[in-house]
PDB file of N, CA and C in Angstrom:
ATOM      1  N   MET A   1      17.459 -24.754  -4.681  1.00  0.00           N
ATOM      2  CA  MET A   1      18.109 -24.387  -3.459  1.00  0.00           C
ATOM      3  C   MET A   1      17.939 -25.194  -2.363  1.00  0.00           C
ATOM      4  N   LEU A   2      19.278 -26.002  -1.808  1.00  0.00           N
ATOM      5  CA  LEU A   2      18.845 -27.059  -0.888  1.00  0.00           C
ATOM      6  C   LEU A   2      18.498 -26.842   0.525  1.00  0.00           C
ATOM      7  N   CYS A   3      18.449 -25.673   0.544  1.00  0.00           N
ATOM      8  CA  CYS A   3      17.802 -25.141   2.197  1.00  0.00           C
ATOM      9  C   CYS A   3      16.285 -25.249   2.018  1.00  0.00           C
ATOM     10  N   CYS A   4      15.466 -25.673   0.741  1.00  0.00           N
ATOM     11  CA  CYS A   4      14.372 -25.379   0.580  1.00  0.00           C
ATOM     12  C   CYS A   4      13.556 -26.392   0.107  1.00  0.00           C
ATOM     13  N   ILE A   5      14.804 -27.383   0.264  1.00  0.00           N
ATOM     14  CA  ILE A   5      13.778 -29.060  -0.090  1.00  0.00           C
ATOM     15  C   ILE A   5      12.838 -29.300   0.846  1.00  0.00           C
ATOM     16  N   GLY A   6      11.879 -29.671   0.713  1.00  0.00           N
ATOM     17  CA  GLY A   6      10.643 -29.957   1.872  1.00  0.00           C
ATOM     18  C   GLY A   6      10.490 -28.774   2.828  1.00  0.00           C
ATOM     19  N   CYS A   7      10.288 -27.632   2.345  1.00  0.00           N
ATOM     20  CA  CYS A   7      10.013 -26.721   3.235  1.00  0.00           C
ATOM     21  C   CYS A   7       8.400 -26.346   2.411  1.00  0.00           C
ATOM     22  N   ARG A   8       7.543 -25.439   3.351  1.00  0.00           N
ATOM     23  CA  ARG A   8       6.408 -25.088   2.831  1.00  0.00           C
ATOM     24  C   ARG A   8       6.321 -23.826   1.804  1.00  0.00           C
ATOM     25  N   ALA A   9       5.866 -23.455   1.191  1.00  0.00           N
ATOM     26  CA  ALA A   9       5.892 -22.285   0.403  1.00  0.00           C
ATOM     27  C   ALA A   9       4.664 -21.096   0.982  1.00  0.00           C
ATOM     28  N   LEU A  10       4.693 -19.836   0.840  1.00  0.00           N
ATOM     29  CA  LEU A  10       4.009 -18.879   1.283  1.00  0.00           C
ATOM     30  C   LEU A  10       2.598 -19.476   1.087  1.00  0.00           C
ATOM     31  N   GLY A  11       1.581 -19.098   2.488  1.00  0.00           N
ATOM     32  CA  GLY A  11       0.065 -19.373   2.233  1.00  0.00           C
ATOM     33  C   GLY A  11       0.167 -21.135   2.513  1.00  0.00           C
ATOM     34  N   GLU A  12       0.859 -21.665   2.257  1.00  0.00           N
ATOM     35  CA  GLU A  12       1.013 -23.317   2.520  1.00  0.00           C
ATOM     36  C   GLU A  12       0.767 -23.783   3.883  1.00  0.00           C
ATOM     37  N   LYS A  13       0.159 -24.735   4.699  1.00  0.00           N
ATOM     38  CA  LYS A  13       0.289 -25.169   5.496  1.00  0.00           C
ATOM     39  C   LYS A  13       1.504 -25.402   6.414  1.00  0.00           C
ATOM     40  N   CYS A  14       1.756 -25.203   7.904  1.00  0.00           N
ATOM     41  CA  CYS A  14       2.732 -25.388   8.356  1.00  0.00           C
ATOM     42  C   CYS A  14       2.762 -26.016   9.919  1.00  0.00           C
ATOM     43  N   SER A  15       3.747 -26.372  10.391  1.00  0.00           N
ATOM     44  CA  SER A  15       3.471 -26.847  11.920  1.00  0.00           C
ATOM     45  C   SER A  15       4.663 -26.040  12.768  1.00  0.00           C
ATOM     46  N   LYS A  16       5.525 -25.308  12.505  1.00  0.00           N
ATOM     47  CA  LYS A  16       6.645 -24.474  13.339  1.00  0.00           C
ATOM     48  C   LYS A  16       7.683 -25.689  13.287  1.00  0.00           C
ATOM     49  N   THR A  17       7.811 -26.858  13.079  1.00  0.00           N
ATOM     50  CA  THR A  17       8.549 -27.849  13.232  1.00  0.00           C
ATOM     51  C   THR A  17       9.573 -28.184  12.204  1.00  0.00           C
ATOM     52  N   VAL A  18      10.891 -28.801  12.477  1.00  0.00           N
ATOM     53  CA  VAL A  18      11.575 -29.268  11.445  1.00  0.00           C
ATOM     54  C   VAL A  18      11.062 -30.284  10.516  1.00  0.00           C
ATOM     55  N   PHE A  19      10.190 -30.750  10.805  1.00  0.00           N
ATOM     56  CA  PHE A  19       9.590 -31.786   9.430  1.00  0.00           C
ATOM     57  C   PHE A  19       8.686 -30.989   8.918  1.00  0.00           C
ATOM     58  N   ASP A  20       8.330 -29.581   9.039  1.00  0.00           N
ATOM     59  CA  ASP A  20       6.925 -28.945   8.280  1.00  0.00           C
ATOM     60  C   ASP A  20       7.404 -27.582   8.252  1.00  0.00           C
ATOM     61  N   ARG A  21       8.146 -27.060   8.020  1.00  0.00           N
ATOM     62  CA  ARG A  21       8.651 -25.490   8.378  1.00  0.00           C
ATOM     63  C   ARG A  21       8.595 -24.946   6.981  1.00  0.00           C
ATOM     64  N   CYS A  22       8.825 -23.596   7.040  1.00  0.00           N
ATOM     65  CA  CYS A  22       8.524 -22.535   5.889  1.00  0.00           C
ATOM     66  C   CYS A  22       9.811 -22.451   5.030  1.00  0.00           C
ATOM     67  N   CYS A  23       9.444 -21.953   4.050  1.00  0.00           N
ATOM     68  CA  CYS A  23      10.967 -21.810   2.912  1.00  0.00           C
ATOM     69  C   CYS A  23      11.557 -20.609   3.308  1.00  0.00           C
ATOM     70  N   GLY A  24      12.922 -20.397   3.072  1.00  0.00           N
ATOM     71  CA  GLY A  24      13.504 -19.190   2.992  1.00  0.00           C
ATOM     72  C   GLY A  24      13.103 -18.123   4.291  1.00  0.00           C
ATOM     73  N   ASP A  25      12.834 -16.878   4.044  1.00  0.00           N
ATOM     74  CA  ASP A  25      12.616 -15.714   5.144  1.00  0.00           C
ATOM     75  C   ASP A  25      11.172 -15.991   5.450  1.00  0.00           C
ATOM     76  N   THR A  26      10.253 -16.955   5.008  1.00  0.00           N
ATOM     77  CA  THR A  26       8.854 -16.707   5.320  1.00  0.00           C
ATOM     78  C   THR A  26       8.839 -17.885   6.878  1.00  0.00           C
ATOM     79  N   ALA A  27       7.926 -17.227   7.291  1.00  0.00           N
ATOM     80  CA  ALA A  27       7.524 -17.841   9.074  1.00  0.00           C
ATOM     81  C   ALA A  27       6.182 -18.492   8.940  1.00  0.00           C
ATOM     82  N   CYS A  28       5.901 -19.122  10.055  1.00  0.00           N
ATOM     83  CA  CYS A  28       5.292 -19.927  10.376  1.00  0.00           C
ATOM     84  C   CYS A  28       4.072 -19.087  11.391  1.00  0.00           C
ATOM     85  N   GLN A  29       2.766 -18.800  10.685  1.00  0.00           N
ATOM     86  CA  GLN A  29       2.040 -18.106  11.913  1.00  0.00           C
ATOM     87  C   GLN A  29       1.078 -19.277  12.515  1.00  0.00           C
ATOM     88  N   LEU A  30       1.339 -19.602  13.663  1.00  0.00           N
ATOM     89  CA  LEU A  30       0.622 -20.202  14.342  1.00  0.00           C
ATOM     90  C   LEU A  30      -0.793 -20.360  14.439  1.00  0.00           C
ATOM     91  N   SER A  31      -2.349 -20.933  14.195  1.00  0.00           N
ATOM     92  CA  SER A  31      -3.362 -20.658  14.779  1.00  0.00           C
ATOM     93  C   SER A  31      -4.051 -21.229  15.822  1.00  0.00           C
ATOM     94  N   SER A  32      -2.931 -22.578  15.955  1.00  0.00           N
ATOM     95  CA  SER A  32      -3.118 -23.412  17.171  1.00  0.00           C
ATOM     96  C   SER A  32      -2.188 -24.301  17.512  1.00  0.00           C
ATOM     97  N   PRO A  33      -1.498 -25.219  18.207  1.00  0.00           N
ATOM     98  CA  PRO A  33      -0.364 -25.629  18.320  1.00  0.00           C
ATOM     99  C   PRO A  33      -0.056 -26.612  17.163  1.00  0.00           C
ATOM    100  N   PHE A  34       1.108 -26.499  16.525  1.00  0.00           N
ATOM    101  CA  PHE A  34       1.367 -27.351  15.689  1.00  0.00           C
ATOM    102  C   PHE A  34       0.574 -26.865  14.105  1.00  0.00           C
ATOM    103  N   HIS A  35      -0.530 -26.151  13.994  1.00  0.00           N
ATOM    104  CA  HIS A  35      -1.222 -25.924  13.008  1.00  0.00           C
ATOM    105  C   HIS A  35      -1.291 -24.181  12.559  1.00  0.00           C
ATOM    106  N   GLY A  36      -0.901 -23.937  11.309  1.00  0.00           N
ATOM    107  CA  GLY A  36      -0.510 -22.900  10.809  1.00  0.00           C
ATOM    108  C   GLY A  36      -0.414 -22.500   9.280  1.00  0.00           C
ATOM    109  N   LYS A  37       0.206 -21.524   8.938  1.00  0.00           N
ATOM    110  CA  LYS A  37       0.273 -21.238   7.454  1.00  0.00           C
ATOM    111  C   LYS A  37       1.479 -20.317   7.405  1.00  0.00           C
ATOM    112  N   CYS A  38       2.166 -20.615   6.294  1.00  0.00           N
ATOM    113  CA  CYS A  38       3.479 -19.445   5.903  1.00  0.00           C
ATOM    114  C   CYS A  38       3.074 -18.109   5.632  1.00  0.00           C
ATOM    115  N   VAL A  39       3.511 -17.294   6.155  1.00  0.00           N
ATOM    116  CA  VAL A  39       3.397 -15.767   6.094  1.00  0.00           C
ATOM    117  C   VAL A  39       4.764 -15.143   5.825  1.00  0.00           C
ATOM    118  N   LYS A  40       4.881 -13.651   5.139  1.00  0.00           N
ATOM    119  CA  LYS A  40       5.942 -13.233   5.382  1.00  0.00           C
ATOM    120  C   LYS A  40       6.485 -12.609   6.521  1.00  0.00           C
ATOM    121  N   CYS A  41       5.881 -12.768   7.201  1.00  0.00           N
ATOM    122  CA  CYS A  41       6.563 -12.052   8.468  1.00  0.00           C
ATOM    123  C   CYS A  41       5.359 -11.999   9.586  1.00  0.00           C
ATOM    124  N   LEU A  42       5.722 -12.307  10.965  1.00  0.00           N
ATOM    125  CA  LEU A  42       4.452 -12.151  11.977  1.00  0.00           C
ATOM    126  C   LEU A  42       4.318 -10.855  12.525  1.00  0.00           C
ATOM    127  N   LYS A  43       3.072 -10.429  12.793  1.00  0.00           N
ATOM    128  CA  LYS A  43       2.286  -9.275  13.051  1.00  0.00           C
ATOM    129  C   LYS A  43       2.757  -9.160  14.577  1.00  0.00           C
ATOM    130  N   GLU A  44       2.670  -7.627  15.125  1.00  0.00           N
ATOM    131  CA  GLU A  44       2.814  -7.332  16.562  1.00  0.00           C
ATOM    132  C   GLU A  44       2.097  -8.374  17.288  1.00  0.00           C
ATOM    133  N   GLY A  45       2.420  -8.699  18.487  1.00  0.00           N
ATOM    134  CA  GLY A  45       2.156  -9.647  19.511  1.00  0.00           C
ATOM    135  C   GLY A  45       1.755 -11.187  19.156  1.00  0.00           C
ATOM    136  N   THR A  46       2.379 -11.600  18.238  1.00  0.00           N
ATOM    137  CA  THR A  46       2.423 -12.812  17.862  1.00  0.00           C
ATOM    138  C   THR A  46       3.513 -13.516  18.519  1.00  0.00           C
ATOM    139  N   LEU A  47       3.514 -14.616  18.723  1.00  0.00           N
ATOM    140  CA  LEU A  47       4.699 -15.408  19.617  1.00  0.00           C
ATOM    141  C   LEU A  47       5.841 -15.710  18.099  1.00  0.00           C
ATOM    142  N   CYS A  48       7.375 -15.345  18.978  1.00  0.00           N
ATOM    143  CA  CYS A  48       8.471 -15.156  17.895  1.00  0.00           C
ATOM    144  C   CYS A  48       9.436 -15.832  18.703  1.00  0.00           C
ATOM    145  N   VAL A  49      10.641 -16.210  17.860  1.00  0.00           N
ATOM    146  CA  VAL A  49      11.750 -16.984  18.365  1.00  0.00           C
ATOM    147  C   VAL A  49      12.913 -15.891  17.788  1.00  0.00           C
ATOM    148  N   SER A  50      12.990 -15.287  17.016  1.00  0.00           N
ATOM    149  CA  SER A  50      14.021 -14.062  16.713  1.00  0.00           C
ATOM    150  C   SER A  50      13.577 -12.973  15.978  1.00  0.00           C
ATOM    151  N   ASP A  51      14.001 -11.944  15.932  1.00  0.00           N
ATOM    152  CA  ASP A  51      13.746 -10.704  15.354  1.00  0.00           C
ATOM    153  C   ASP A  51      13.392 -10.755  13.883  1.00  0.00           C
ATOM    154  N   LYS A  52      14.418 -11.794  13.184  1.00  0.00           N
ATOM    155  CA  LYS A  52      13.720 -11.852  11.754  1.00  0.00           C
ATOM    156  C   LYS A  52      12.413 -12.389  11.280  1.00  0.00           C
ATOM    157  N   ASN A  53      11.708 -13.009  12.368  1.00  0.00           N
ATOM    158  CA  ASN A  53      10.270 -13.534  12.129  1.00  0.00           C
ATOM    159  C   ASN A  53       9.416 -12.229  12.122  1.00  0.00           C
ATOM    160  N   CYS A  54       9.574 -11.330  12.710  1.00  0.00           N
ATOM    161  CA  CYS A  54       8.784 -10.517  12.876  1.00  0.00           C
ATOM    162  C   CYS A  54       8.687  -9.310  12.001  1.00  0.00           C
ATOM    163  N   CYS A  55       7.603  -8.615  11.498  1.00  0.00           N
ATOM    164  CA  CYS A  55       7.505  -7.619  10.553  1.00  0.00           C
ATOM    165  C   CYS A  55       8.342  -6.323  11.056  1.00  0.00           C
ATOM    166  N   SER A  56       8.151  -6.212  12.181  1.00  0.00           N
ATOM    167  CA  SER A  56       8.953  -5.056  12.719  1.00  0.00           C
ATOM    168  C   SER A  56      10.583  -5.305  13.007  1.00  0.00           C
ATOM    169  N   HIS A  57      10.749  -6.560  12.687  1.00  0.00           N
ATOM    170  CA  HIS A  57      12.013  -6.950  13.004  1.00  0.00           C
ATOM    171  C   HIS A  57      12.662  -6.870  14.180  1.00  0.00           C
ATOM    172  N   LYS A  58      11.552  -7.037  15.345  1.00  0.00           N
ATOM    173  CA  LYS A  58      11.966  -6.875  16.990  1.00  0.00           C
ATOM    174  C   LYS A  58      11.266  -7.651  18.005  1.00  0.00           C
ATOM    175  N   CYS A  59      11.872  -8.950  18.081  1.00  0.00           N
ATOM    176  CA  CYS A  59      11.029 -10.041  18.774  1.00  0.00           C
ATOM    177  C   CYS A  59      11.401  -9.639  20.501  1.00  0.00           C
ATOM    178  N   ASN A  60      10.491  -9.450  21.291  1.00  0.00           N
ATOM    179  CA  ASN A  60      10.886  -9.321  22.532  1.00  0.00           C
ATOM    180  C   ASN A  60      10.143 -10.149  23.698  1.00  0.00           C
ATOM    181  N   ILE A  61      11.052 -10.975  24.410  1.00  0.00           N
ATOM    182  CA  ILE A  61      10.411 -11.907  25.257  1.00  0.00           C
ATOM    183  C   ILE A  61       9.195 -13.190  24.328  1.00  0.00           C
ATOM    184  N   GLY A  62       9.541 -13.163  23.561  1.00  0.00           N
ATOM    185  CA  GLY A  62       8.837 -14.153  22.639  1.00  0.00           C
ATOM    186  C   GLY A  62       7.669 -13.795  21.938  1.00  0.00           C
ATOM    187  N   LYS A  63       7.515 -12.569  22.086  1.00  0.00           N
ATOM    188  CA  LYS A  63       6.702 -11.891  21.339  1.00  0.00           C
ATOM    189  C   LYS A  63       6.831 -10.785  20.365  1.00  0.00           C
ATOM    190  N   CYS A  64       6.445 -10.441  18.905  1.00  0.00           N
ATOM    191  CA  CYS A  64       6.764  -9.688  18.015  1.00  0.00           C
ATOM    192  C   CYS A  64       6.252  -8.238  18.745  1.00  0.00           C
ATOM    193  N   THR A  65       7.016  -6.951  18.820  1.00  0.00           N
ATOM    194  CA  THR A  65       6.597  -5.942  19.425  1.00  0.00           C
ATOM    195  C   THR A  65       7.029  -4.823  18.497  1.00  0.00           C
ATOM    196  N   LYS A  66       6.371  -3.417  18.651  1.00  0.00           N
ATOM    197  CA  LYS A  66       6.964  -2.248  17.865  1.00  0.00           C
ATOM    198  C   LYS A  66       8.135  -1.664  18.262  1.00  0.00           C
ATOM    199  N   GLU A  67       8.556  -1.736  19.948  1.00  0.00           N
ATOM    200  CA  GLU A  67       9.743  -1.403  20.183  1.00  0.00           C
ATOM    201  C   GLU A  67      11.349  -2.691  20.644  1.00  0.00           C
ATOM    202  N   LYS A  68      12.177  -2.172  20.220  1.00  0.00           N
ATOM    203  CA  LYS A  68      13.325  -3.045  20.216  1.00  0.00           C
ATOM    204  C   LYS A  68      13.454  -3.484  21.859  1.00  0.00           C
ATOM    205  N   HIS A  69      13.571  -4.413  21.812  1.00  0.00           N
ATOM    206  CA  HIS A  69      14.441  -5.195  23.248  1.00  0.00           C
ATOM    207  C   HIS A  69      15.493  -4.368  23.896  1.00  0.00           C
ATOM    208  N   HIS A  70      14.974  -4.405  25.198  1.00  0.00           N
ATOM    209  CA  HIS A  70      16.252  -3.521  25.726  1.00  0.00           C
ATOM    210  C   HIS A  70      16.563  -4.636  27.106  1.00  0.00           C
ATOM    211  N   TYR A  71      17.807  -4.994  27.084  1.00  0.00           N
ATOM    212  CA  TYR A  71      18.371  -5.815  28.088  1.00  0.00           C
ATOM    213  C   TYR A  71      19.652  -5.323  28.910  1.00  0.00           C
TER     214      TYR A  71
END
């Protein structure tokens, strides 16, 4: 698959940048700036940029939450 050339597999190191990203639907869970590992999804309280990255599918103001965001 073309989208996955140069990306990191589940469990591998990532930096959450275009140069060192996770493959497919996996997400980069950072332990410090630019240092993390690819996981299936981000747990509650983790920094996020979209609903699809969170295990709950709910990203509210940059954090994965249990509750759906309200605007």
